[in-house]
């Protein structure tokens, strides 16, 4: 029969062993942690709307329930934030990002300052699949596709590499439209305000979701028109607006469009820096998927009129890898179409 002290020590050792076996290092890391979420956009726009809505639900699904702190880092068409994530941010899982969907493709086209490899980033998932469009203030008299050939259409942009600049330039190059880009705006929301002030006619590269989440009355009150969808297919909400793929003259043009529009399949992408520990990345990816399927989150997105569609981190990584595997001829064709000058 064991003496009382020895029995107590054996019992304590057993309890300690059970406790150690049940310990979760991911939970321990995130418990009480502040998780920084860097956005490549400014406050007030569609990206900020998505982040503010997503953050509290996401925090509930991450082990340890960290506090998510949103940090806006606009600049250089989103490249500033991506460079921070690629080379400055800690690689321990304490920092994540939400970047413009066009940003991962900047190095593919040799855009100046895009000194990162998106294939080395850890893609957590994307919150939406979206079609870009050209949207025009009603008083501009730009209403249909043919109007883009008959009169000058002035749109706002945020910097080289952003879709607000590359997509309208692509339309000019491939189809001969008369779109003028006025660059220098800090973010998409600033372009929308410029439209309201009459500084520009519209924005090419805008998204239905960003307008619905920040200015839902624009569509319902017919304050804007949509002359063209810069997309591979039409959208039910605009049954009479054609998709640009319908006007492709040949197979090469179609391939160029498919490459330039690849970001639409991973709209609102969330990522972590390279070399984040595998268990923490797995937890962040699982929490993303759990959030996207959370009935409370889905209901909140519907209430805010924000469109959501889950794209896994693996799927986002595949889109990026597939694009970087395009032939040199198609990449060069896309670069020329978007009037992107190689920095190399």
C-alpha atoms as a PDB file:
ATOM      1  CA  UNK A   1       0.000   0.000   0.000  1.00  0.00           C
ATOM      2  CA  UNK A   2       1.372   3.429  -0.988  1.00  0.00           C
ATOM      3  CA  UNK A   3       2.214   5.894   1.706  1.00  0.00           C
ATOM      4  CA  UNK A   4       0.030   9.062   1.637  1.00  0.00           C
ATOM      5  CA  UNK A   5       2.815  11.397   0.446  1.00  0.00           C
ATOM      6  CA  UNK A   6       3.950   9.082  -2.344  1.00  0.00           C
ATOM      7  CA  UNK A   7       0.340   8.562  -3.471  1.00  0.00           C
ATOM      8  CA  UNK A   8      -0.152  12.322  -3.538  1.00  0.00           C
ATOM      9  CA  UNK A   9       2.972  12.829  -5.651  1.00  0.00           C
ATOM     10  CA  UNK A  10       1.899  10.164  -8.142  1.00  0.00           C
ATOM     11  CA  UNK A  11      -1.560  11.719  -8.358  1.00  0.00           C
ATOM     12  CA  UNK A  12      -0.077  15.208  -8.904  1.00  0.00           C
ATOM     13  CA  UNK A  13       2.267  13.923 -11.586  1.00  0.00           C
ATOM     14  CA  UNK A  14      -0.657  12.302 -13.387  1.00  0.00           C
ATOM     15  CA  UNK A  15      -2.646  15.535 -13.285  1.00  0.00           C
ATOM     16  CA  UNK A  16       0.347  17.494 -14.562  1.00  0.00           C
ATOM     17  CA  UNK A  17       0.773  15.022 -17.406  1.00  0.00           C
ATOM     18  CA  UNK A  18      -2.880  15.352 -18.390  1.00  0.00           C
ATOM     19  CA  UNK A  19      -2.660  19.162 -18.239  1.00  0.00           C
ATOM     20  CA  UNK A  20       0.476  19.223 -20.370  1.00  0.00           C
ATOM     21  CA  UNK A  21      -1.067  16.868 -22.905  1.00  0.00           C
ATOM     22  CA  UNK A  22      -4.178  19.067 -23.166  1.00  0.00           C
ATOM     23  CA  UNK A  23      -2.240  22.338 -23.491  1.00  0.00           C
ATOM     24  CA  UNK A  24      -2.798  24.102 -26.827  1.00  0.00           C
ATOM     25  CA  UNK A  25       0.194  26.224 -27.864  1.00  0.00           C
ATOM     26  CA  UNK A  26      -1.899  28.115 -30.457  1.00  0.00           C
ATOM     27  CA  UNK A  27      -4.502  29.046 -27.853  1.00  0.00           C
ATOM     28  CA  UNK A  28      -1.748  30.015 -25.447  1.00  0.00           C
ATOM     29  CA  UNK A  29      -0.187  32.263 -28.084  1.00  0.00           C
ATOM     30  CA  UNK A  30      -3.372  34.122 -29.044  1.00  0.00           C
ATOM     31  CA  UNK A  31      -4.936  34.353 -25.586  1.00  0.00           C
ATOM     32  CA  UNK A  32      -4.676  37.985 -24.491  1.00  0.00           C
ATOM     33  CA  UNK A  33      -2.888  38.803 -27.760  1.00  0.00           C
ATOM     34  CA  UNK A  34      -3.523  41.819 -29.965  1.00  0.00           C
ATOM     35  CA  UNK A  35      -3.719  40.624 -33.553  1.00  0.00           C
ATOM     36  CA  UNK A  36      -2.810  43.462 -35.947  1.00  0.00           C
ATOM     37  CA  UNK A  37      -4.779  43.516 -39.188  1.00  0.00           C
ATOM     38  CA  UNK A  38      -3.141  45.700 -41.849  1.00  0.00           C
ATOM     39  CA  UNK A  39      -5.417  47.010 -44.610  1.00  0.00           C
ATOM     40  CA  UNK A  40      -4.058  48.327 -47.907  1.00  0.00           C
ATOM     41  CA  UNK A  41      -7.018  50.745 -48.066  1.00  0.00           C
ATOM     42  CA  UNK A  42      -8.036  53.811 -46.115  1.00  0.00           C
ATOM     43  CA  UNK A  43     -10.990  54.265 -43.805  1.00  0.00           C
ATOM     44  CA  UNK A  44     -14.510  54.591 -45.171  1.00  0.00           C
ATOM     45  CA  UNK A  45     -14.223  52.378 -48.241  1.00  0.00           C
ATOM     46  CA  UNK A  46     -15.400  48.887 -49.097  1.00  0.00           C
ATOM     47  CA  UNK A  47     -12.307  47.142 -47.728  1.00  0.00           C
ATOM     48  CA  UNK A  48     -12.732  48.872 -44.381  1.00  0.00           C
ATOM     49  CA  UNK A  49     -16.410  47.869 -44.317  1.00  0.00           C
ATOM     50  CA  UNK A  50     -15.495  44.230 -44.845  1.00  0.00           C
ATOM     51  CA  UNK A  51     -12.785  44.336 -42.179  1.00  0.00           C
ATOM     52  CA  UNK A  52     -14.944  45.996 -39.546  1.00  0.00           C
ATOM     53  CA  UNK A  53     -17.715  43.474 -40.132  1.00  0.00           C
ATOM     54  CA  UNK A  54     -15.425  40.423 -40.259  1.00  0.00           C
ATOM     55  CA  UNK A  55     -13.059  41.187 -37.368  1.00  0.00           C
ATOM     56  CA  UNK A  56     -15.280  40.517 -34.313  1.00  0.00           C
ATOM     57  CA  UNK A  57     -16.574  37.228 -35.702  1.00  0.00           C
ATOM     58  CA  UNK A  58     -13.096  36.135 -36.786  1.00  0.00           C
ATOM     59  CA  UNK A  59     -11.695  36.841 -33.308  1.00  0.00           C
ATOM     60  CA  UNK A  60     -14.331  34.542 -31.795  1.00  0.00           C
ATOM     61  CA  UNK A  61     -13.197  31.648 -33.987  1.00  0.00           C
ATOM     62  CA  UNK A  62      -9.426  32.034 -33.480  1.00  0.00           C
ATOM     63  CA  UNK A  63      -8.192  29.908 -30.538  1.00  0.00           C
ATOM     64  CA  UNK A  64      -7.577  32.174 -27.567  1.00  0.00           C
ATOM     65  CA  UNK A  65      -9.918  34.867 -28.941  1.00  0.00           C
ATOM     66  CA  UNK A  66      -7.370  37.643 -29.557  1.00  0.00           C
ATOM     67  CA  UNK A  67      -8.346  41.289 -29.922  1.00  0.00           C
ATOM     68  CA  UNK A  68      -8.120  42.303 -33.579  1.00  0.00           C
ATOM     69  CA  UNK A  69      -6.800  45.821 -34.149  1.00  0.00           C
ATOM     70  CA  UNK A  70      -7.345  47.210 -37.659  1.00  0.00           C
ATOM     71  CA  UNK A  71      -4.549  49.353 -39.077  1.00  0.00           C
ATOM     72  CA  UNK A  72      -5.171  51.257 -42.313  1.00  0.00           C
ATOM     73  CA  UNK A  73      -2.053  51.489 -44.486  1.00  0.00           C
ATOM     74  CA  UNK A  74      -3.038  52.893 -47.899  1.00  0.00           C
ATOM     75  CA  UNK A  75      -0.482  53.937 -50.487  1.00  0.00           C
ATOM     76  CA  UNK A  76       1.033  53.008 -53.854  1.00  0.00           C
ATOM     77  CA  UNK A  77      -2.102  51.192 -54.980  1.00  0.00           C
ATOM     78  CA  UNK A  78      -1.837  48.780 -52.044  1.00  0.00           C
ATOM     79  CA  UNK A  79       1.839  47.947 -52.480  1.00  0.00           C
ATOM     80  CA  UNK A  80       2.859  49.806 -49.316  1.00  0.00           C
ATOM     81  CA  UNK A  81       0.848  47.462 -47.098  1.00  0.00           C
ATOM     82  CA  UNK A  82       2.015  44.366 -48.970  1.00  0.00           C
ATOM     83  CA  UNK A  83       5.661  45.360 -48.618  1.00  0.00           C
ATOM     84  CA  UNK A  84       5.126  45.774 -44.891  1.00  0.00           C
ATOM     85  CA  UNK A  85       3.610  42.308 -44.641  1.00  0.00           C
ATOM     86  CA  UNK A  86       6.345  40.775 -46.784  1.00  0.00           C
ATOM     87  CA  UNK A  87       9.404  42.295 -45.160  1.00  0.00           C
ATOM     88  CA  UNK A  88       8.608  44.225 -41.961  1.00  0.00           C
ATOM     89  CA  UNK A  89       5.742  42.593 -40.077  1.00  0.00           C
ATOM     90  CA  UNK A  90       6.511  39.912 -37.467  1.00  0.00           C
ATOM     91  CA  UNK A  91       6.278  36.368 -38.788  1.00  0.00           C
ATOM     92  CA  UNK A  92       4.811  34.809 -35.680  1.00  0.00           C
ATOM     93  CA  UNK A  93       1.114  34.983 -36.578  1.00  0.00           C
ATOM     94  CA  UNK A  94       0.486  38.219 -34.682  1.00  0.00           C
ATOM     95  CA  UNK A  95      -0.025  40.222 -37.894  1.00  0.00           C
ATOM     96  CA  UNK A  96      -2.304  39.543 -40.851  1.00  0.00           C
ATOM     97  CA  UNK A  97      -3.322  41.642 -43.841  1.00  0.00           C
ATOM     98  CA  UNK A  98      -6.164  42.451 -46.193  1.00  0.00           C
ATOM     99  CA  UNK A  99      -4.870  43.759 -49.513  1.00  0.00           C
ATOM    100  CA  UNK A 100      -6.381  44.840 -52.792  1.00  0.00           C
ATOM    101  CA  UNK A 101      -6.828  41.769 -54.952  1.00  0.00           C
ATOM    102  CA  UNK A 102      -4.671  43.299 -57.683  1.00  0.00           C
ATOM    103  CA  UNK A 103      -1.647  43.718 -55.397  1.00  0.00           C
ATOM    104  CA  UNK A 104      -0.387  40.097 -55.514  1.00  0.00           C
ATOM    105  CA  UNK A 105      -0.026  40.448 -59.290  1.00  0.00           C
ATOM    106  CA  UNK A 106       2.075  43.622 -59.227  1.00  0.00           C
ATOM    107  CA  UNK A 107       5.432  41.775 -59.344  1.00  0.00           C
ATOM    108  CA  UNK A 108       4.181  39.700 -62.285  1.00  0.00           C
ATOM    109  CA  UNK A 109       3.965  42.895 -64.324  1.00  0.00           C
ATOM    110  CA  UNK A 110       7.189  44.393 -62.972  1.00  0.00           C
ATOM    111  CA  UNK A 111       5.515  47.295 -61.178  1.00  0.00           C
ATOM    112  CA  UNK A 112       7.991  49.571 -59.444  1.00  0.00           C
ATOM    113  CA  UNK A 113       8.273  48.995 -55.718  1.00  0.00           C
ATOM    114  CA  UNK A 114       6.580  45.592 -55.783  1.00  0.00           C
ATOM    115  CA  UNK A 115       9.601  43.769 -54.389  1.00  0.00           C
ATOM    116  CA  UNK A 116       7.845  40.732 -52.979  1.00  0.00           C
ATOM    117  CA  UNK A 117       6.847  37.261 -54.083  1.00  0.00           C
ATOM    118  CA  UNK A 118       3.145  36.584 -53.435  1.00  0.00           C
ATOM    119  CA  UNK A 119       3.784  32.850 -53.737  1.00  0.00           C
ATOM    120  CA  UNK A 120       5.760  33.061 -50.483  1.00  0.00           C
ATOM    121  CA  UNK A 121       2.926  34.732 -48.597  1.00  0.00           C
ATOM    122  CA  UNK A 122       0.555  32.651 -46.479  1.00  0.00           C
ATOM    123  CA  UNK A 123      -2.927  33.035 -47.940  1.00  0.00           C
ATOM    124  CA  UNK A 124      -5.633  32.579 -45.317  1.00  0.00           C
ATOM    125  CA  UNK A 125      -8.647  32.974 -47.611  1.00  0.00           C
ATOM    126  CA  UNK A 126     -10.711  35.470 -49.536  1.00  0.00           C
ATOM    127  CA  UNK A 127     -14.070  36.879 -48.469  1.00  0.00           C
ATOM    128  CA  UNK A 128     -15.633  37.391 -51.888  1.00  0.00           C
ATOM    129  CA  UNK A 129     -15.662  36.741 -55.608  1.00  0.00           C
ATOM    130  CA  UNK A 130     -16.443  39.908 -57.491  1.00  0.00           C
ATOM    131  CA  UNK A 131     -16.801  41.415 -60.938  1.00  0.00           C
ATOM    132  CA  UNK A 132     -15.227  44.797 -61.568  1.00  0.00           C
ATOM    133  CA  UNK A 133     -17.193  47.433 -63.434  1.00  0.00           C
ATOM    134  CA  UNK A 134     -17.050  50.934 -64.767  1.00  0.00           C
ATOM    135  CA  UNK A 135     -19.471  53.128 -62.858  1.00  0.00           C
ATOM    136  CA  UNK A 136     -20.374  56.676 -63.897  1.00  0.00           C
ATOM    137  CA  UNK A 137     -22.209  59.529 -62.205  1.00  0.00           C
ATOM    138  CA  UNK A 138     -25.590  59.901 -63.911  1.00  0.00           C
ATOM    139  CA  UNK A 139     -25.007  63.531 -64.923  1.00  0.00           C
ATOM    140  CA  UNK A 140     -21.894  62.514 -66.887  1.00  0.00           C
ATOM    141  CA  UNK A 141     -24.143  61.101 -69.633  1.00  0.00           C
ATOM    142  CA  UNK A 142     -21.984  57.962 -69.772  1.00  0.00           C
ATOM    143  CA  UNK A 143     -24.647  55.275 -69.779  1.00  0.00           C
ATOM    144  CA  UNK A 144     -23.662  52.457 -72.127  1.00  0.00           C
ATOM    145  CA  UNK A 145     -20.608  50.760 -73.633  1.00  0.00           C
ATOM    146  CA  UNK A 146     -20.758  52.781 -76.865  1.00  0.00           C
ATOM    147  CA  UNK A 147     -20.541  56.031 -74.862  1.00  0.00           C
ATOM    148  CA  UNK A 148     -16.984  55.138 -73.885  1.00  0.00           C
ATOM    149  CA  UNK A 149     -16.022  55.584 -77.548  1.00  0.00           C
ATOM    150  CA  UNK A 150     -18.080  58.697 -78.289  1.00  0.00           C
ATOM    151  CA  UNK A 151     -16.991  60.963 -75.424  1.00  0.00           C
ATOM    152  CA  UNK A 152     -14.198  61.343 -72.895  1.00  0.00           C
ATOM    153  CA  UNK A 153     -14.870  59.485 -69.654  1.00  0.00           C
ATOM    154  CA  UNK A 154     -12.754  60.717 -66.719  1.00  0.00           C
ATOM    155  CA  UNK A 155     -12.154  58.274 -63.859  1.00  0.00           C
ATOM    156  CA  UNK A 156     -10.213  58.486 -60.607  1.00  0.00           C
ATOM    157  CA  UNK A 157      -7.258  56.270 -59.683  1.00  0.00           C
ATOM    158  CA  UNK A 158      -5.077  55.529 -56.663  1.00  0.00           C
ATOM    159  CA  UNK A 159      -1.710  54.688 -58.184  1.00  0.00           C
ATOM    160  CA  UNK A 160       0.097  52.490 -60.679  1.00  0.00           C
ATOM    161  CA  UNK A 161      -0.831  48.853 -60.245  1.00  0.00           C
ATOM    162  CA  UNK A 162      -4.270  49.464 -58.751  1.00  0.00           C
ATOM    163  CA  UNK A 163      -7.233  48.143 -60.713  1.00  0.00           C
ATOM    164  CA  UNK A 164      -8.676  51.642 -60.824  1.00  0.00           C
ATOM    165  CA  UNK A 165      -5.825  52.520 -63.184  1.00  0.00           C
ATOM    166  CA  UNK A 166      -4.851  49.298 -64.934  1.00  0.00           C
ATOM    167  CA  UNK A 167      -8.372  48.243 -65.954  1.00  0.00           C
ATOM    168  CA  UNK A 168      -9.451  51.457 -67.707  1.00  0.00           C
ATOM    169  CA  UNK A 169      -6.106  51.615 -69.484  1.00  0.00           C
ATOM    170  CA  UNK A 170      -6.630  48.029 -70.599  1.00  0.00           C
ATOM    171  CA  UNK A 171      -9.997  48.979 -72.103  1.00  0.00           C
ATOM    172  CA  UNK A 172      -8.330  51.808 -74.006  1.00  0.00           C
ATOM    173  CA  UNK A 173      -5.569  49.559 -75.341  1.00  0.00           C
ATOM    174  CA  UNK A 174      -7.597  46.495 -76.293  1.00  0.00           C
ATOM    175  CA  UNK A 175     -10.826  48.123 -77.382  1.00  0.00           C
ATOM    176  CA  UNK A 176     -10.103  51.772 -78.195  1.00  0.00           C
ATOM    177  CA  UNK A 177     -12.221  53.467 -75.542  1.00  0.00           C
ATOM    178  CA  UNK A 178     -11.622  57.097 -74.525  1.00  0.00           C
ATOM    179  CA  UNK A 179     -11.063  56.813 -70.782  1.00  0.00           C
ATOM    180  CA  UNK A 180      -8.865  59.343 -68.990  1.00  0.00           C
ATOM    181  CA  UNK A 181      -7.418  58.382 -65.592  1.00  0.00           C
ATOM    182  CA  UNK A 182      -6.825  61.074 -62.967  1.00  0.00           C
ATOM    183  CA  UNK A 183      -4.407  59.558 -60.465  1.00  0.00           C
ATOM    184  CA  UNK A 184      -3.471  60.548 -56.929  1.00  0.00           C
ATOM    185  CA  UNK A 185      -6.513  59.645 -54.836  1.00  0.00           C
ATOM    186  CA  UNK A 186      -5.725  57.848 -51.569  1.00  0.00           C
ATOM    187  CA  UNK A 187      -8.406  55.183 -51.866  1.00  0.00           C
ATOM    188  CA  UNK A 188     -11.546  54.059 -53.628  1.00  0.00           C
ATOM    189  CA  UNK A 189     -13.759  55.961 -51.210  1.00  0.00           C
ATOM    190  CA  UNK A 190     -11.940  59.184 -52.132  1.00  0.00           C
ATOM    191  CA  UNK A 191     -12.753  58.511 -55.786  1.00  0.00           C
ATOM    192  CA  UNK A 192     -16.419  58.050 -54.904  1.00  0.00           C
ATOM    193  CA  UNK A 193     -16.396  61.380 -53.069  1.00  0.00           C
ATOM    194  CA  UNK A 194     -14.733  62.974 -56.104  1.00  0.00           C
ATOM    195  CA  UNK A 195     -17.603  61.660 -58.223  1.00  0.00           C
ATOM    196  CA  UNK A 196     -20.102  63.245 -55.851  1.00  0.00           C
ATOM    197  CA  UNK A 197     -18.217  66.552 -56.053  1.00  0.00           C
ATOM    198  CA  UNK A 198     -18.089  66.421 -59.845  1.00  0.00           C
ATOM    199  CA  UNK A 199     -14.285  66.188 -60.041  1.00  0.00           C
ATOM    200  CA  UNK A 200     -14.416  62.985 -62.090  1.00  0.00           C
ATOM    201  CA  UNK A 201     -17.116  61.193 -64.037  1.00  0.00           C
ATOM    202  CA  UNK A 202     -16.612  57.810 -62.429  1.00  0.00           C
ATOM    203  CA  UNK A 203     -14.438  54.888 -61.506  1.00  0.00           C
ATOM    204  CA  UNK A 204     -13.374  51.825 -63.464  1.00  0.00           C
ATOM    205  CA  UNK A 205     -12.471  48.903 -61.238  1.00  0.00           C
ATOM    206  CA  UNK A 206     -15.242  49.661 -58.795  1.00  0.00           C
ATOM    207  CA  UNK A 207     -17.181  46.839 -57.151  1.00  0.00           C
ATOM    208  CA  UNK A 208     -20.865  46.348 -56.468  1.00  0.00           C
ATOM    209  CA  UNK A 209     -20.073  45.254 -52.923  1.00  0.00           C
ATOM    210  CA  UNK A 210     -18.130  48.416 -52.053  1.00  0.00           C
ATOM    211  CA  UNK A 211     -20.946  50.644 -53.295  1.00  0.00           C
ATOM    212  CA  UNK A 212     -23.651  48.591 -51.583  1.00  0.00           C
ATOM    213  CA  UNK A 213     -21.768  48.725 -48.292  1.00  0.00           C
ATOM    214  CA  UNK A 214     -20.964  52.452 -48.351  1.00  0.00           C
ATOM    215  CA  UNK A 215     -23.489  54.092 -50.697  1.00  0.00           C
ATOM    216  CA  UNK A 216     -26.446  51.720 -51.174  1.00  0.00           C
ATOM    217  CA  UNK A 217     -28.676  54.522 -52.482  1.00  0.00           C
ATOM    218  CA  UNK A 218     -26.523  54.973 -55.578  1.00  0.00           C
ATOM    219  CA  UNK A 219     -28.117  52.034 -57.356  1.00  0.00           C
ATOM    220  CA  UNK A 220     -31.618  52.246 -55.881  1.00  0.00           C
ATOM    221  CA  UNK A 221     -31.884  55.956 -56.679  1.00  0.00           C
ATOM    222  CA  UNK A 222     -30.190  55.664 -60.087  1.00  0.00           C
ATOM    223  CA  UNK A 223     -27.417  58.067 -59.132  1.00  0.00           C
ATOM    224  CA  UNK A 224     -24.921  56.064 -61.185  1.00  0.00           C
ATOM    225  CA  UNK A 225     -24.844  54.038 -64.373  1.00  0.00           C
ATOM    226  CA  UNK A 226     -22.844  50.915 -65.235  1.00  0.00           C
ATOM    227  CA  UNK A 227     -21.814  51.006 -68.920  1.00  0.00           C
ATOM    228  CA  UNK A 228     -19.622  47.877 -68.830  1.00  0.00           C
ATOM    229  CA  UNK A 229     -18.672  44.989 -66.547  1.00  0.00           C
ATOM    230  CA  UNK A 230     -14.935  44.378 -66.657  1.00  0.00           C
ATOM    231  CA  UNK A 231     -15.560  40.697 -66.152  1.00  0.00           C
ATOM    232  CA  UNK A 232     -15.674  37.271 -67.764  1.00  0.00           C
ATOM    233  CA  UNK A 233     -19.441  36.966 -67.350  1.00  0.00           C
ATOM    234  CA  UNK A 234     -22.517  39.115 -66.816  1.00  0.00           C
ATOM    235  CA  UNK A 235     -23.965  39.841 -63.396  1.00  0.00           C
ATOM    236  CA  UNK A 236     -27.621  39.205 -62.583  1.00  0.00           C
ATOM    237  CA  UNK A 237     -28.042  42.621 -60.975  1.00  0.00           C
ATOM    238  CA  UNK A 238     -27.185  44.275 -64.331  1.00  0.00           C
ATOM    239  CA  UNK A 239     -28.828  41.999 -66.924  1.00  0.00           C
ATOM    240  CA  UNK A 240     -28.485  44.548 -69.727  1.00  0.00           C
ATOM    241  CA  UNK A 241     -24.854  45.438 -69.066  1.00  0.00           C
ATOM    242  CA  UNK A 242     -22.413  43.381 -71.165  1.00  0.00           C
ATOM    243  CA  UNK A 243     -19.254  41.742 -69.830  1.00  0.00           C
ATOM    244  CA  UNK A 244     -16.060  42.828 -71.560  1.00  0.00           C
ATOM    245  CA  UNK A 245     -15.223  39.241 -72.595  1.00  0.00           C
ATOM    246  CA  UNK A 246     -18.118  39.472 -75.061  1.00  0.00           C
ATOM    247  CA  UNK A 247     -16.105  41.935 -77.133  1.00  0.00           C
ATOM    248  CA  UNK A 248     -12.853  39.925 -77.291  1.00  0.00           C
ATOM    249  CA  UNK A 249     -11.820  39.679 -80.925  1.00  0.00           C
ATOM    250  CA  UNK A 250      -9.592  36.602 -80.742  1.00  0.00           C
ATOM    251  CA  UNK A 251      -8.248  33.864 -78.468  1.00  0.00           C
ATOM    252  CA  UNK A 252      -5.172  35.842 -77.436  1.00  0.00           C
ATOM    253  CA  UNK A 253      -7.331  38.729 -76.271  1.00  0.00           C
ATOM    254  CA  UNK A 254      -9.414  36.287 -74.250  1.00  0.00           C
ATOM    255  CA  UNK A 255      -6.274  34.899 -72.574  1.00  0.00           C
ATOM    256  CA  UNK A 256      -5.087  38.400 -71.750  1.00  0.00           C
ATOM    257  CA  UNK A 257      -8.475  39.221 -70.234  1.00  0.00           C
ATOM    258  CA  UNK A 258      -8.443  36.014 -68.195  1.00  0.00           C
ATOM    259  CA  UNK A 259      -5.051  36.960 -66.747  1.00  0.00           C
ATOM    260  CA  UNK A 260      -5.848  40.597 -66.039  1.00  0.00           C
ATOM    261  CA  UNK A 261      -9.157  39.641 -64.411  1.00  0.00           C
ATOM    262  CA  UNK A 262      -7.716  36.813 -62.261  1.00  0.00           C
ATOM    263  CA  UNK A 263      -7.902  39.017 -59.126  1.00  0.00           C
ATOM    264  CA  UNK A 264     -11.688  38.897 -59.312  1.00  0.00           C
ATOM    265  CA  UNK A 265     -11.648  35.260 -58.231  1.00  0.00           C
ATOM    266  CA  UNK A 266     -10.000  36.224 -54.930  1.00  0.00           C
ATOM    267  CA  UNK A 267     -11.551  39.537 -53.957  1.00  0.00           C
ATOM    268  CA  UNK A 268     -10.867  40.758 -50.377  1.00  0.00           C
ATOM    269  CA  UNK A 269      -7.922  38.358 -49.789  1.00  0.00           C
ATOM    270  CA  UNK A 270      -6.582  37.870 -46.268  1.00  0.00           C
ATOM    271  CA  UNK A 271      -2.975  36.785 -45.773  1.00  0.00           C
ATOM    272  CA  UNK A 272      -0.161  36.398 -43.288  1.00  0.00           C
ATOM    273  CA  UNK A 273       3.566  37.087 -43.773  1.00  0.00           C
ATOM    274  CA  UNK A 274       5.929  34.334 -44.928  1.00  0.00           C
ATOM    275  CA  UNK A 275       7.176  31.679 -42.523  1.00  0.00           C
ATOM    276  CA  UNK A 276       4.358  31.904 -39.990  1.00  0.00           C
ATOM    277  CA  UNK A 277       4.417  28.724 -37.835  1.00  0.00           C
ATOM    278  CA  UNK A 278       2.368  26.009 -39.502  1.00  0.00           C
ATOM    279  CA  UNK A 279       0.063  25.377 -36.555  1.00  0.00           C
ATOM    280  CA  UNK A 280      -0.852  29.055 -36.236  1.00  0.00           C
ATOM    281  CA  UNK A 281      -1.464  29.373 -39.986  1.00  0.00           C
ATOM    282  CA  UNK A 282      -3.700  26.286 -39.885  1.00  0.00           C
ATOM    283  CA  UNK A 283      -5.641  27.816 -36.990  1.00  0.00           C
ATOM    284  CA  UNK A 284      -6.054  31.135 -38.847  1.00  0.00           C
ATOM    285  CA  UNK A 285      -7.281  29.327 -41.968  1.00  0.00           C
ATOM    286  CA  UNK A 286      -9.742  27.190 -40.010  1.00  0.00           C
ATOM    287  CA  UNK A 287     -11.012  30.236 -38.150  1.00  0.00           C
ATOM    288  CA  UNK A 288     -11.509  31.996 -41.494  1.00  0.00           C
ATOM    289  CA  UNK A 289     -13.591  29.135 -42.865  1.00  0.00           C
ATOM    290  CA  UNK A 290     -15.572  28.834 -39.625  1.00  0.00           C
ATOM    291  CA  UNK A 291     -16.306  32.552 -39.717  1.00  0.00           C
ATOM    292  CA  UNK A 292     -17.449  32.504 -43.334  1.00  0.00           C
ATOM    293  CA  UNK A 293     -19.912  29.727 -42.414  1.00  0.00           C
ATOM    294  CA  UNK A 294     -21.052  31.273 -39.137  1.00  0.00           C
ATOM    295  CA  UNK A 295     -24.825  31.936 -39.371  1.00  0.00           C
ATOM    296  CA  UNK A 296     -24.467  35.106 -37.296  1.00  0.00           C
ATOM    297  CA  UNK A 297     -21.783  36.449 -39.624  1.00  0.00           C
ATOM    298  CA  UNK A 298     -23.804  35.549 -42.715  1.00  0.00           C
ATOM    299  CA  UNK A 299     -26.827  37.348 -41.266  1.00  0.00           C
ATOM    300  CA  UNK A 300     -24.736  40.431 -40.464  1.00  0.00           C
ATOM    301  CA  UNK A 301     -23.312  40.510 -43.993  1.00  0.00           C
ATOM    302  CA  UNK A 302     -26.844  40.372 -45.391  1.00  0.00           C
ATOM    303  CA  UNK A 303     -27.937  43.156 -43.052  1.00  0.00           C
ATOM    304  CA  UNK A 304     -25.073  45.367 -44.227  1.00  0.00           C
ATOM    305  CA  UNK A 305     -25.674  44.380 -47.869  1.00  0.00           C
ATOM    306  CA  UNK A 306     -22.126  43.048 -48.172  1.00  0.00           C
ATOM    307  CA  UNK A 307     -21.607  40.200 -50.618  1.00  0.00           C
ATOM    308  CA  UNK A 308     -19.573  37.259 -49.339  1.00  0.00           C
ATOM    309  CA  UNK A 309     -18.318  34.051 -50.913  1.00  0.00           C
ATOM    310  CA  UNK A 310     -15.697  31.852 -49.316  1.00  0.00           C
ATOM    311  CA  UNK A 311     -12.476  31.204 -51.205  1.00  0.00           C
ATOM    312  CA  UNK A 312     -10.014  29.066 -49.249  1.00  0.00           C
ATOM    313  CA  UNK A 313      -6.398  30.009 -48.708  1.00  0.00           C
ATOM    314  CA  UNK A 314      -5.340  27.074 -50.843  1.00  0.00           C
ATOM    315  CA  UNK A 315      -7.583  28.274 -53.684  1.00  0.00           C
ATOM    316  CA  UNK A 316      -6.188  31.801 -53.477  1.00  0.00           C
ATOM    317  CA  UNK A 317      -2.647  30.421 -53.611  1.00  0.00           C
ATOM    318  CA  UNK A 318      -3.612  28.367 -56.672  1.00  0.00           C
ATOM    319  CA  UNK A 319      -4.986  31.434 -58.513  1.00  0.00           C
ATOM    320  CA  UNK A 320      -1.755  33.288 -57.837  1.00  0.00           C
ATOM    321  CA  UNK A 321       0.428  30.364 -58.892  1.00  0.00           C
ATOM    322  CA  UNK A 322      -1.584  29.768 -62.065  1.00  0.00           C
ATOM    323  CA  UNK A 323      -1.263  33.419 -63.083  1.00  0.00           C
ATOM    324  CA  UNK A 324       2.488  33.399 -62.535  1.00  0.00           C
ATOM    325  CA  UNK A 325       2.617  30.323 -64.753  1.00  0.00           C
ATOM    326  CA  UNK A 326       1.150  32.160 -67.761  1.00  0.00           C
ATOM    327  CA  UNK A 327       3.256  32.364 -70.900  1.00  0.00           C
ATOM    328  CA  UNK A 328       5.600  35.303 -71.373  1.00  0.00           C
ATOM    329  CA  UNK A 329       3.599  36.412 -74.412  1.00  0.00           C
ATOM    330  CA  UNK A 330       0.322  36.632 -72.468  1.00  0.00           C
ATOM    331  CA  UNK A 331       1.985  38.359 -69.501  1.00  0.00           C
ATOM    332  CA  UNK A 332       3.581  40.887 -71.829  1.00  0.00           C
ATOM    333  CA  UNK A 333       0.252  41.355 -73.617  1.00  0.00           C
ATOM    334  CA  UNK A 334      -1.500  42.015 -70.325  1.00  0.00           C
ATOM    335  CA  UNK A 335       1.244  44.423 -69.220  1.00  0.00           C
ATOM    336  CA  UNK A 336       1.004  46.333 -72.478  1.00  0.00           C
ATOM    337  CA  UNK A 337      -2.788  46.402 -72.322  1.00  0.00           C
ATOM    338  CA  UNK A 338      -2.705  47.913 -68.836  1.00  0.00           C
ATOM    339  CA  UNK A 339       0.073  50.335 -69.844  1.00  0.00           C
ATOM    340  CA  UNK A 340       2.347  49.075 -67.106  1.00  0.00           C
ATOM    341  CA  UNK A 341       5.993  49.967 -67.525  1.00  0.00           C
ATOM    342  CA  UNK A 342       8.324  47.302 -66.214  1.00  0.00           C
ATOM    343  CA  UNK A 343      10.599  48.439 -63.409  1.00  0.00           C
ATOM    344  CA  UNK A 344      13.146  45.848 -64.395  1.00  0.00           C
END
